[in-house]
Amino acid sequence: MATRFRKSRRQRGSRFCGWGQIGQHRQSGSRGGTGGAGKHKHFWIRTVIEEPDHFGHDSTKSMRQNRLIRWINLRDLSDLAARFGSTDEHGKQKLDLRSIGYDKLLGGGTLQKPIVVQVAKVSATAKQKIELAGGEIVLNEEIGSKQ
């Protein structure tokens, strides 16, 4: 079909190009809203058929699955040991990070003095640096198995 015979050419100059009066076939009012609009109203049957699990949540899963994990680096251990630590019978400083509120020990920085650290989780570099300084790592799982 030649371009000059197309309907769009014939409707040039008419205000609405065959779409009725006053703004029909404009924004999104002619199709019930944009995006997910109307899923609880006029598009409900479409929602039930296409996305039956769209609303609500799975009652078997907790709403808060991720626990906040607090961590600390090696460079901060000497300050904490001075404030919260104690000494054992061999003269080494002992520090319980779990009682202070830390869950994991990371290997950033260096350690000057030997410290016996009690913690739930430890990175490989932190463990290596503490043992290199003459300290020791005691994981909380090991404490529970000894008692």
Protein backbone atom coordinates (compact mmCIF):
# COMPACT_ATOMS: atom_id res chain seq x y z
CA MET A 1 0.00 0.00 0.00
CA ALA A 2 1.29 3.39 -0.90
CA THR A 3 2.09 5.71 1.96
CA ARG A 4 -0.27 8.37 0.69
CA PHE A 5 -3.26 6.04 1.08
CA ARG A 6 -2.59 5.12 4.70
CA LYS A 7 -5.12 5.98 7.37
CA SER A 8 -2.59 8.06 9.27
CA ARG A 9 -2.13 10.30 6.22
CA ARG A 10 -5.87 10.79 5.86
CA GLN A 11 -6.24 11.74 9.52
CA ARG A 12 -3.61 14.46 9.48
CA GLY A 13 -5.22 17.65 10.67
CA SER A 14 -7.94 15.90 12.61
CA ARG A 15 -7.45 16.47 16.28
CA PHE A 16 -7.70 12.94 17.71
CA CYS A 17 -6.78 10.68 14.75
CA GLY A 18 -9.72 8.33 15.20
CA TRP A 19 -9.45 7.86 18.96
CA GLY A 20 -12.61 9.67 19.97
CA GLN A 21 -12.69 12.85 21.99
CA ILE A 22 -10.59 14.52 24.61
CA GLY A 23 -7.48 12.61 25.44
CA GLN A 24 -8.42 9.02 24.75
CA HIS A 25 -5.46 6.85 23.80
CA ARG A 26 -3.14 9.20 25.61
CA GLN A 27 -1.38 8.46 28.90
CA SER A 28 -2.40 5.28 30.70
CA GLY A 29 -5.99 5.92 31.64
CA SER A 30 -7.23 3.91 28.71
CA ARG A 31 -5.56 0.75 29.93
CA GLY A 32 -6.22 0.79 33.66
CA GLY A 33 -3.01 2.33 34.95
CA THR A 34 0.72 1.86 34.50
CA GLY A 35 2.91 -0.90 35.87
CA GLY A 36 1.33 -3.02 38.58
CA ALA A 37 -1.65 -0.74 39.12
CA GLY A 38 -4.95 -2.47 39.78
CA LYS A 39 -3.59 -5.82 40.92
CA HIS A 40 -5.88 -5.73 43.95
CA LYS A 41 -8.76 -4.12 42.04
CA HIS A 42 -9.67 -4.32 38.37
CA PHE A 43 -6.78 -6.60 37.31
CA TRP A 44 -7.36 -9.09 40.15
CA ILE A 45 -8.20 -12.11 37.98
CA ARG A 46 -5.06 -11.51 35.91
CA THR A 47 -3.04 -11.40 39.14
CA VAL A 48 -4.54 -14.67 40.38
CA ILE A 49 -3.82 -16.44 37.12
CA GLU A 50 -0.38 -15.03 36.25
CA GLU A 51 1.13 -14.31 39.70
CA PRO A 52 -0.69 -16.27 42.41
CA ASP A 53 2.08 -15.65 44.96
CA HIS A 54 2.35 -11.89 44.36
CA PHE A 55 0.72 -10.79 47.62
CA GLY A 56 1.52 -12.00 51.12
CA HIS A 57 4.56 -13.82 52.40
CA ASP A 58 5.67 -17.35 53.17
CA SER A 59 4.69 -18.03 56.76
CA THR A 60 7.36 -20.70 57.21
CA LYS A 61 10.19 -18.20 56.70
CA SER A 62 11.14 -15.64 59.27
CA MET A 63 10.77 -12.02 58.27
CA ARG A 64 14.28 -11.33 59.60
CA GLN A 65 16.57 -14.12 58.55
CA ASN A 66 19.82 -12.19 58.47
CA ARG A 67 21.35 -11.59 61.87
CA LEU A 68 23.45 -8.49 62.27
CA ILE A 69 27.06 -9.58 62.48
CA ARG A 70 29.47 -7.20 64.18
CA TRP A 71 33.15 -7.56 63.44
CA ILE A 72 36.43 -6.04 64.57
CA ASN A 73 39.93 -5.86 63.14
CA LEU A 74 43.19 -6.93 64.77
CA ARG A 75 44.39 -3.34 65.02
CA ASP A 76 41.68 -2.62 67.61
CA LEU A 77 42.34 -5.64 69.82
CA SER A 78 45.02 -4.09 72.03
CA ASP A 79 42.73 -1.19 72.99
CA LEU A 80 39.89 -3.58 73.80
CA ALA A 81 42.18 -5.87 75.76
CA ALA A 82 43.27 -2.92 77.90
CA ARG A 83 39.64 -2.01 78.64
CA PHE A 84 37.87 -5.38 78.85
CA GLY A 85 40.61 -8.01 79.03
CA SER A 86 42.05 -10.05 81.88
CA THR A 87 45.27 -11.97 82.36
CA ASP A 88 45.53 -15.74 82.73
CA GLU A 89 47.98 -17.77 84.83
CA HIS A 90 50.64 -17.71 82.10
CA GLY A 91 50.62 -13.92 81.90
CA LYS A 92 48.82 -13.70 78.56
CA GLN A 93 45.95 -11.33 78.13
CA LYS A 94 42.52 -12.92 77.61
CA LEU A 95 39.75 -11.18 75.71
CA ASP A 96 36.20 -12.45 75.18
CA LEU A 97 34.90 -10.63 72.10
CA ARG A 98 31.47 -12.27 72.26
CA SER A 99 30.72 -10.77 75.67
CA ILE A 100 31.63 -7.31 74.33
CA GLY A 101 29.30 -7.77 71.36
CA TYR A 102 31.56 -8.77 68.47
CA ASP A 103 30.88 -11.89 66.40
CA LYS A 104 33.86 -12.06 64.05
CA LEU A 105 37.53 -11.14 64.09
CA LEU A 106 39.12 -9.89 60.86
CA GLY A 107 42.80 -9.67 59.99
CA GLY A 108 43.26 -5.95 59.33
CA GLY A 109 46.33 -4.49 61.01
CA THR A 110 48.95 -6.13 63.18
CA LEU A 111 49.17 -7.40 66.74
CA GLN A 112 52.14 -6.54 68.99
CA LYS A 113 51.40 -8.54 72.17
CA PRO A 114 50.18 -12.14 72.52
CA ILE A 115 46.46 -12.20 73.31
CA VAL A 116 44.17 -15.18 73.86
CA VAL A 117 41.00 -14.25 71.98
CA GLN A 118 37.64 -15.93 72.46
CA VAL A 119 35.34 -15.32 69.49
CA ALA A 120 32.64 -17.05 67.44
CA LYS A 121 34.24 -16.67 63.98
CA VAL A 122 37.69 -15.69 62.80
CA SER A 123 39.22 -15.09 59.38
CA ALA A 124 42.25 -17.08 58.25
CA THR A 125 44.56 -14.05 58.17
CA ALA A 126 43.54 -12.99 61.68
CA LYS A 127 44.21 -16.49 63.00
CA GLN A 128 47.61 -16.56 61.32
CA LYS A 129 48.62 -13.13 62.67
CA ILE A 130 47.52 -13.92 66.23
CA GLU A 131 49.46 -17.21 66.26
CA LEU A 132 52.48 -15.40 64.77
CA ALA A 133 52.38 -12.90 67.67
CA GLY A 134 52.25 -15.78 70.18
CA GLY A 135 48.55 -15.55 70.92
CA GLU A 136 45.77 -18.08 70.63
CA ILE A 137 42.24 -18.27 69.19
CA VAL A 138 39.50 -20.00 71.16
CA LEU A 139 36.31 -20.45 69.17
CA ASN A 140 33.02 -20.42 71.04
CA GLU A 141 32.09 -23.88 69.67
CA GLU A 142 35.20 -25.33 71.33
CA ILE A 143 34.18 -23.86 74.69
CA GLY A 144 30.72 -25.43 74.45
CA SER A 145 32.20 -28.87 73.65
CA LYS A 146 34.62 -28.75 76.62
CA GLN A 147 31.89 -28.13 79.20
